[in-house]
Protein backbone atom coordinates (compact mmCIF):
# COMPACT_ATOMS: atom_id res chain seq x y z
CA MET A 1 13.52 -25.75 -16.50
CA GLN A 2 11.24 -23.37 -14.62
CA ASN A 3 12.60 -21.26 -11.78
CA LYS A 4 10.83 -22.11 -8.55
CA ILE A 5 9.72 -19.50 -6.03
CA LEU A 6 7.77 -19.71 -2.78
CA ILE A 7 5.84 -16.56 -1.86
CA ILE A 8 5.05 -16.22 1.84
CA GLY A 9 2.81 -13.39 2.99
CA PRO A 10 -0.81 -12.23 3.21
CA PHE A 11 -3.23 -12.84 0.33
CA PRO A 12 -6.81 -11.51 0.06
CA PRO A 13 -9.12 -11.42 1.92
CA PRO A 14 -8.93 -8.91 3.44
CA ILE A 15 -7.79 -6.47 0.79
CA SER A 16 -4.66 -4.49 1.59
CA GLY A 17 -1.78 -3.14 -0.46
CA VAL A 18 0.44 -6.07 0.54
CA SER A 19 -2.17 -8.78 -0.10
CA ILE A 20 -3.01 -7.37 -3.54
CA ALA A 21 0.69 -7.10 -4.39
CA ASN A 22 1.31 -10.73 -3.43
CA GLN A 23 -1.64 -11.84 -5.53
CA VAL A 24 -0.38 -9.88 -8.54
CA VAL A 25 3.21 -11.11 -8.12
CA SER A 26 2.14 -14.76 -7.95
CA LYS A 27 -0.07 -14.51 -11.06
CA GLY A 28 2.43 -12.38 -12.97
CA LEU A 29 5.42 -14.63 -12.32
CA ARG A 30 3.47 -17.68 -13.49
CA LYS A 31 2.99 -15.89 -16.81
CA LYS A 32 6.77 -15.32 -16.85
CA ASN A 33 7.26 -19.09 -16.66
CA TRP A 34 8.07 -19.26 -12.95
CA GLN A 35 6.83 -22.22 -10.94
CA VAL A 36 5.08 -20.42 -8.07
CA ASP A 37 3.96 -21.82 -4.75
CA THR A 38 2.41 -19.77 -1.94
CA ILE A 39 1.83 -19.78 1.80
CA ASN A 40 -0.89 -17.40 2.97
CA SER A 41 0.19 -15.81 6.25
CA GLU A 42 -3.08 -13.90 6.74
CA TYR A 43 -4.84 -14.98 9.93
CA SER A 44 -7.96 -12.79 9.76
CA GLU A 45 -10.56 -11.65 7.24
CA THR A 46 -10.85 -8.24 8.91
CA ILE A 47 -8.44 -5.30 9.15
CA THR A 48 -7.26 -4.13 12.55
CA GLN A 49 -5.27 -1.09 13.63
CA ASN A 50 -3.63 -2.92 16.56
CA HIS A 51 -0.28 -3.56 14.89
CA GLY A 52 2.59 -5.36 16.55
CA ARG A 53 0.61 -6.67 19.52
CA ILE A 54 0.54 -10.41 20.07
CA SER A 55 -3.00 -11.68 20.60
CA LEU A 56 -4.65 -15.10 20.80
CA LYS A 57 -6.11 -14.52 17.33
CA LYS A 58 -2.68 -13.85 15.86
CA LEU A 59 -1.42 -17.16 17.21
CA TYR A 60 -3.52 -18.79 14.46
CA PHE A 61 -0.49 -17.91 12.34
CA ILE A 62 1.10 -21.11 13.69
CA LYS A 63 -1.01 -23.11 11.21
CA THR A 64 1.17 -21.73 8.39
CA TYR A 65 4.10 -23.74 9.79
CA LEU A 66 2.33 -26.90 8.62
CA HIS A 67 3.40 -25.89 5.09
CA ILE A 68 7.05 -25.18 5.92
CA GLY A 69 8.19 -28.10 3.74
CA LYS A 70 7.40 -25.99 0.67
CA VAL A 71 10.62 -24.09 1.36
CA LEU A 72 12.63 -27.16 0.32
CA ASN A 73 10.97 -27.28 -3.11
CA SER A 74 11.82 -23.70 -4.13
CA LYS A 75 14.95 -21.91 -5.27
CA ILE A 76 13.80 -18.59 -3.80
CA THR A 77 11.88 -18.03 -0.58
CA TYR A 78 10.24 -14.62 -1.02
CA ILE A 79 8.69 -13.13 2.12
CA THR A 80 6.65 -9.92 2.41
CA ILE A 81 8.01 -9.29 5.87
CA GLY A 82 6.16 -7.47 8.65
CA GLN A 83 7.47 -4.30 10.28
CA SER A 84 6.86 -4.99 13.96
CA TYR A 85 8.87 -7.35 16.17
CA PHE A 86 6.15 -9.99 15.92
CA GLY A 87 5.74 -9.23 12.20
CA VAL A 88 9.36 -10.35 11.69
CA LEU A 89 9.62 -13.04 14.38
CA LYS A 90 6.65 -15.04 13.06
CA TYR A 91 8.63 -15.87 9.89
CA LEU A 92 11.59 -17.27 11.88
CA PRO A 93 11.02 -20.98 11.02
CA PHE A 94 10.81 -20.21 7.29
CA ILE A 95 13.92 -18.02 7.42
CA ILE A 96 16.00 -20.57 9.30
CA LEU A 97 14.95 -23.53 7.12
CA ALA A 98 15.63 -21.56 3.92
CA LYS A 99 19.07 -20.61 5.24
CA VAL A 100 19.94 -24.16 6.31
CA ALA A 101 18.71 -25.53 2.96
CA ARG A 102 20.75 -22.85 1.13
CA LYS A 103 17.75 -21.30 -0.59
CA LYS A 104 17.92 -17.68 -1.70
CA LEU A 105 16.06 -15.51 0.82
CA VAL A 106 14.34 -12.37 -0.52
CA MET A 107 12.33 -9.96 1.58
CA HIS A 108 9.89 -7.46 0.10
CA LEU A 109 9.30 -4.56 2.48
CA HIS A 110 6.03 -2.66 1.91
CA GLY A 111 6.55 0.18 4.35
CA ASN A 112 8.76 2.65 6.18
CA HIS A 113 8.56 1.50 9.80
CA LEU A 114 11.09 -1.33 9.99
CA LEU A 115 14.08 0.81 10.99
CA ASN A 116 12.01 2.75 13.54
CA GLU A 117 10.92 -0.55 15.09
CA TYR A 118 14.51 -1.79 15.28
CA ASN A 119 15.72 1.45 16.87
CA ALA A 120 13.00 1.22 19.53
CA LEU A 121 13.86 -2.36 20.51
CA LYS A 122 16.23 -3.19 23.36
CA GLY A 123 18.21 -6.16 24.60
CA MET A 124 17.61 -9.63 23.22
CA LYS A 125 14.65 -8.49 21.06
CA ARG A 126 16.90 -6.07 19.22
CA ILE A 127 19.58 -8.75 18.70
CA ILE A 128 17.06 -11.29 17.37
CA PHE A 129 15.40 -8.72 15.10
CA ARG A 130 18.72 -7.69 13.56
CA LYS A 131 19.89 -11.27 13.15
CA LEU A 132 16.72 -12.34 11.33
CA ILE A 133 16.71 -9.41 8.91
CA SER A 134 20.42 -9.85 8.23
CA MET A 135 19.86 -13.49 7.22
CA PHE A 136 18.16 -12.39 4.00
CA ASP A 137 20.26 -12.40 0.85
CA TYR A 138 18.31 -9.63 -0.87
CA GLY A 139 15.77 -6.98 -0.03
CA ILE A 140 13.18 -5.09 -2.09
CA VAL A 141 11.74 -1.69 -1.13
CA LEU A 142 9.04 0.35 -2.82
CA SER A 143 11.13 3.42 -3.62
CA GLU A 144 14.45 5.14 -3.06
CA SER A 145 13.60 6.94 0.19
CA LEU A 146 12.69 3.62 1.83
CA ARG A 147 16.12 2.00 1.26
CA CYS A 148 17.27 3.27 4.67
CA ASN A 149 15.08 0.63 6.34
CA LEU A 150 17.28 -2.19 5.03
CA GLU A 151 20.71 -0.57 4.73
CA PRO A 152 21.71 -1.34 8.36
CA PHE A 153 21.10 -5.04 7.70
CA LEU A 154 21.94 -5.78 4.04
CA LYS A 155 24.61 -4.73 1.55
CA LYS A 156 23.53 -1.72 -0.51
CA GLU A 157 23.98 -3.66 -3.75
CA SER A 158 21.59 -6.33 -2.42
CA ILE A 159 18.72 -3.85 -2.04
CA PHE A 160 16.42 -3.28 -5.03
CA GLU A 161 13.68 -0.72 -5.66
CA LEU A 162 10.36 -1.87 -7.08
CA HIS A 163 7.59 0.72 -7.37
CA ASN A 164 4.04 -0.32 -6.65
CA PHE A 165 1.44 -0.51 -9.41
CA PHE A 166 -2.17 -0.05 -10.37
CA GLU A 167 -4.24 -2.93 -11.71
CA ALA A 168 -4.46 -3.47 -15.46
CA SER A 169 -8.27 -3.08 -15.37
CA LEU A 170 -7.77 0.63 -14.65
CA ILE A 171 -6.05 1.38 -17.95
CA LEU A 172 -8.44 3.51 -20.02
CA PRO A 173 -8.02 5.70 -23.13
CA LEU A 174 -7.48 9.36 -22.23
CA GLU A 175 -10.64 10.46 -24.06
CA ASP A 176 -12.78 8.09 -21.96
CA ILE A 177 -11.43 9.62 -18.76
CA VAL A 178 -11.83 13.20 -19.97
CA GLN A 179 -15.44 12.59 -21.05
CA GLN A 180 -16.46 11.24 -17.66
CA LYS A 181 -14.82 13.86 -15.42
CA GLU A 182 -17.05 16.63 -14.07
CA TYR A 183 -15.25 19.71 -12.76
CA SER A 184 -18.22 21.93 -11.87
CA GLU A 185 -18.11 20.69 -8.24
CA LEU A 186 -15.40 19.37 -5.94
CA ARG A 187 -15.64 15.57 -6.06
CA VAL A 188 -13.38 13.88 -3.53
CA VAL A 189 -12.78 10.19 -2.91
CA PHE A 190 -11.13 8.36 -0.01
CA LEU A 191 -10.18 4.78 -0.90
CA SER A 192 -8.37 2.86 1.83
CA ASN A 193 -9.03 0.87 4.98
CA LEU A 194 -10.89 3.12 7.41
CA MET A 195 -8.28 3.17 10.17
CA GLU A 196 -7.65 6.45 11.96
CA GLU A 197 -3.97 6.56 10.93
CA LYS A 198 -4.98 6.62 7.26
CA GLY A 199 -6.46 10.07 7.94
CA ILE A 200 -10.15 9.31 7.42
CA ASN A 201 -11.17 10.96 10.71
CA ILE A 202 -9.19 14.07 9.81
CA LEU A 203 -10.85 14.19 6.39
CA LEU A 204 -14.38 13.80 7.77
CA GLU A 205 -13.73 16.52 10.34
CA ALA A 206 -12.44 18.80 7.57
CA VAL A 207 -15.58 18.19 5.49
CA LYS A 208 -17.71 18.89 8.56
CA LYS A 209 -15.83 22.15 9.08
CA LEU A 210 -16.32 23.18 5.44
CA LYS A 211 -20.02 22.30 5.55
CA ALA A 212 -20.44 24.64 8.55
CA LYS A 213 -18.91 27.42 6.40
CA GLY A 214 -21.26 26.65 3.51
CA VAL A 215 -18.48 25.31 1.25
CA ALA A 216 -19.79 22.80 -1.29
CA ILE A 217 -17.92 19.50 -1.42
CA ARG A 218 -18.93 15.91 -2.18
CA LEU A 219 -17.04 13.02 -0.65
CA LYS A 220 -17.33 9.30 -1.33
CA VAL A 221 -15.59 6.92 1.07
CA ALA A 222 -14.69 3.33 0.19
CA GLY A 223 -12.83 0.69 2.17
CA ASN A 224 -13.02 -1.83 4.98
CA LYS A 225 -14.58 -0.57 8.19
CA ILE A 226 -12.40 -0.93 11.27
CA LYS A 227 -14.00 -2.13 14.49
CA GLU A 228 -11.83 0.15 16.64
CA ASN A 229 -12.71 3.27 14.60
CA ASP A 230 -16.49 3.81 14.52
CA LEU A 231 -17.34 6.45 11.89
CA SER A 232 -21.10 5.85 11.76
CA ASN A 233 -21.94 9.23 13.29
CA TYR A 234 -20.15 11.04 10.45
CA PHE A 235 -21.83 8.93 7.78
CA ASN A 236 -25.25 9.44 9.37
CA THR A 237 -25.00 13.21 9.82
CA LEU A 238 -22.97 14.51 6.86
CA ASP A 239 -25.33 14.55 3.88
CA SER A 240 -22.50 15.37 1.46
CA VAL A 241 -20.63 12.17 2.43
CA ASP A 242 -21.42 8.69 1.10
CA TYR A 243 -19.89 5.50 2.45
CA ILE A 244 -20.07 2.91 -0.32
CA GLY A 245 -18.26 -0.04 1.28
CA VAL A 246 -15.49 -2.12 -0.25
CA VAL A 247 -15.17 -1.71 -4.02
CA HIS A 248 -13.66 -3.99 -6.66
CA GLY A 249 -13.33 -4.08 -10.43
CA GLU A 250 -15.84 -1.98 -12.35
CA GLU A 251 -17.25 -0.40 -9.18
CA LYS A 252 -13.78 0.86 -8.23
CA ARG A 253 -13.17 2.13 -11.74
CA GLN A 254 -16.45 4.06 -11.79
CA LEU A 255 -15.71 5.56 -8.38
CA LEU A 256 -12.30 6.84 -9.50
CA LEU A 257 -13.78 8.15 -12.75
CA TRP A 258 -16.45 10.03 -10.77
CA SER A 259 -13.88 11.76 -8.54
CA THR A 260 -11.47 14.51 -9.48
CA VAL A 261 -9.51 14.64 -6.19
CA PHE A 262 -8.15 11.64 -4.31
CA CYS A 263 -7.53 12.45 -0.64
CA LEU A 264 -5.37 10.31 1.64
CA PRO A 265 -4.14 12.42 4.61
CA THR A 266 -2.24 9.46 6.03
CA PHE A 267 0.11 9.30 8.99
CA TYR A 268 -0.02 5.48 9.15
CA LYS A 269 3.25 4.29 10.72
CA MET A 270 3.40 1.19 8.49
CA GLU A 271 2.79 3.20 5.31
CA GLY A 272 4.88 2.57 2.22
CA GLN A 273 3.68 3.70 -1.19
CA PRO A 274 -0.12 3.25 -1.29
CA ILE A 275 -1.45 1.41 -4.32
CA SER A 276 -4.64 3.46 -3.99
CA ILE A 277 -2.72 6.64 -4.85
CA LEU A 278 -1.42 5.07 -8.07
CA GLU A 279 -4.92 3.81 -8.93
CA ALA A 280 -6.31 7.31 -8.48
CA MET A 281 -3.54 8.75 -10.66
CA ALA A 282 -4.36 6.29 -13.44
CA MET A 283 -7.96 7.52 -13.38
CA GLY A 284 -6.95 11.18 -13.79
CA ASN A 285 -7.25 12.45 -10.21
CA LEU A 286 -5.25 15.13 -8.45
CA ILE A 287 -3.70 13.70 -5.27
CA LEU A 288 -4.20 15.46 -1.92
CA THR A 289 -2.00 13.75 0.67
CA THR A 290 0.77 14.10 3.25
CA SER A 291 4.57 14.08 2.91
CA HIS A 292 4.80 10.65 4.50
CA ALA A 293 6.79 7.42 3.96
CA GLY A 294 7.40 6.72 0.26
CA ILE A 295 4.58 8.96 -0.97
CA THR A 296 6.91 11.83 -1.85
CA ASP A 297 8.79 9.56 -4.27
CA VAL A 298 5.70 9.51 -6.52
CA CYS A 299 3.90 12.71 -5.48
CA LYS A 300 5.46 16.10 -6.18
CA GLU A 301 4.15 19.64 -6.54
CA GLN A 302 3.49 18.99 -10.23
CA ASN A 303 0.90 16.29 -9.59
CA ALA A 304 -0.23 16.66 -5.98
CA VAL A 305 -1.23 19.01 -3.17
CA PHE A 306 0.12 18.38 0.33
CA CYS A 307 -1.54 18.92 3.69
CA GLU A 308 -0.06 18.77 7.19
CA LYS A 309 -0.39 15.52 9.13
CA LYS A 310 -3.16 15.35 11.76
CA ASN A 311 -4.22 18.94 10.99
CA VAL A 312 -7.95 19.32 10.31
CA ALA A 313 -7.71 23.08 9.73
CA ASP A 314 -4.96 22.75 7.13
CA LEU A 315 -6.73 19.96 5.25
CA ALA A 316 -9.96 21.98 5.24
CA HIS A 317 -7.98 24.96 3.91
CA GLN A 318 -6.42 22.91 1.09
CA LEU A 319 -9.83 21.51 0.10
CA GLU A 320 -11.38 24.98 0.12
CA LEU A 321 -8.62 26.28 -2.16
CA LEU A 322 -9.35 23.46 -4.60
CA VAL A 323 -13.06 24.38 -4.75
CA ASP A 324 -12.08 27.53 -6.64
CA ASP A 325 -9.20 26.02 -8.60
CA GLN A 326 -10.70 23.44 -10.93
CA ASN A 327 -8.05 24.28 -13.52
CA GLN A 328 -5.32 22.94 -11.22
CA ILE A 329 -7.38 19.82 -10.57
CA ARG A 330 -7.83 19.19 -14.29
CA GLN A 331 -4.19 19.83 -15.22
CA LYS A 332 -2.66 17.75 -12.42
CA GLY A 333 -5.22 14.99 -12.88
CA LEU A 334 -4.49 14.59 -16.58
CA PHE A 335 -0.74 14.74 -15.88
CA ASN A 336 -1.22 11.92 -13.34
CA ARG A 337 -3.00 9.73 -15.86
CA GLN A 338 -0.02 10.02 -18.23
CA TYR A 339 2.52 9.62 -15.41
CA ALA A 340 0.86 6.49 -13.98
CA ASN A 341 0.60 4.80 -17.37
CA ALA A 342 4.29 5.50 -18.03
CA TYR A 343 5.70 4.21 -14.73
CA PHE A 344 3.23 2.27 -12.58
CA THR A 345 1.38 -0.27 -14.71
CA GLU A 346 0.90 -3.81 -13.49
CA GLU A 347 2.79 -5.05 -16.55
CA LEU A 348 5.83 -2.89 -15.74
CA PHE A 349 5.70 -3.99 -12.09
CA ILE A 350 5.82 -7.68 -13.05
CA GLU A 351 8.54 -7.06 -15.64
CA ASN A 352 10.74 -5.36 -13.05
CA ALA A 353 9.95 -7.94 -10.35
CA ASN A 354 10.96 -10.68 -12.79
CA LYS A 355 14.28 -8.95 -13.55
CA ILE A 356 15.07 -8.49 -9.86
CA LEU A 357 14.27 -12.09 -8.96
CA LEU A 358 16.33 -13.44 -11.86
CA GLN A 359 19.27 -11.45 -10.47
CA CYS A 360 18.62 -12.94 -7.04
CA ILE A 361 18.53 -16.52 -8.30
CA ASN A 362 21.77 -16.34 -10.34
């Protein structure tokens, strides 16, 4: 008899780390002989940087409650929980029904903000928030340093670690990657949603600063534009910067093969362990990022370069150092390709997710 699981959370579109992960989990578990049902909690096809604020648009989430009966047909209710008060509260009906019906409740946390949110809450909001999180039987985090977000609410032995992954389409033979890399110029890529907290503004300012000094650098930017963060002036005036829109499949692969440095100077409060970093590793890129959230669990000095958060001058300095250090870029990039294929494949992610969920169901 198949094990039955209900996955509740966002699915594409729009593309985000959480929506991609839910899509991969649902497909992967079906191949592992799970009977999978889903409820898509995404209420918009665009990305916003206004997190945690209740708006009329977000109230469209109520339509998901029409499918609440699916909880009764599953053994596990698996929720990719939000990290704001509203991001948790909106799942209340599913949580309560699963608890009443004695279904196993599993939350998958894709970030490092949950505990900060709880600590900032007061009064009844804080009580409700704690009660809802504590109703889960098990929790999953992306890496060891993120366990602290769930430890105040769940038993330590009920918290599992499940690293993120890169898509199977990005697995290439080493020789194919080596042949297509060009190290004679600094080729940088930014691949994420273009919200200010992801560091895109900092990066564009750094490139602008380097251009004024006559430092040669090429930057390609890919991802969803954000209405609240208009970057058109940068894209129109910086001739060494190309915005290429949202990329998928072969287009994403070619972009990451073209680049030698992946730059994500993030300070995003909801950050966890960005899938884009793992994708860039798989394609043989050095990682230039910040010591933020779960990033330092996969990025160390041996495979990455770190810059200070919100510091244009420091990021510009790190990029300028890389211009004259192509040997470091090559060595760390090739190390990353090997590292990613050993630990962060989609196949390994599904295998580990399957093991965790089998433990939860028994």
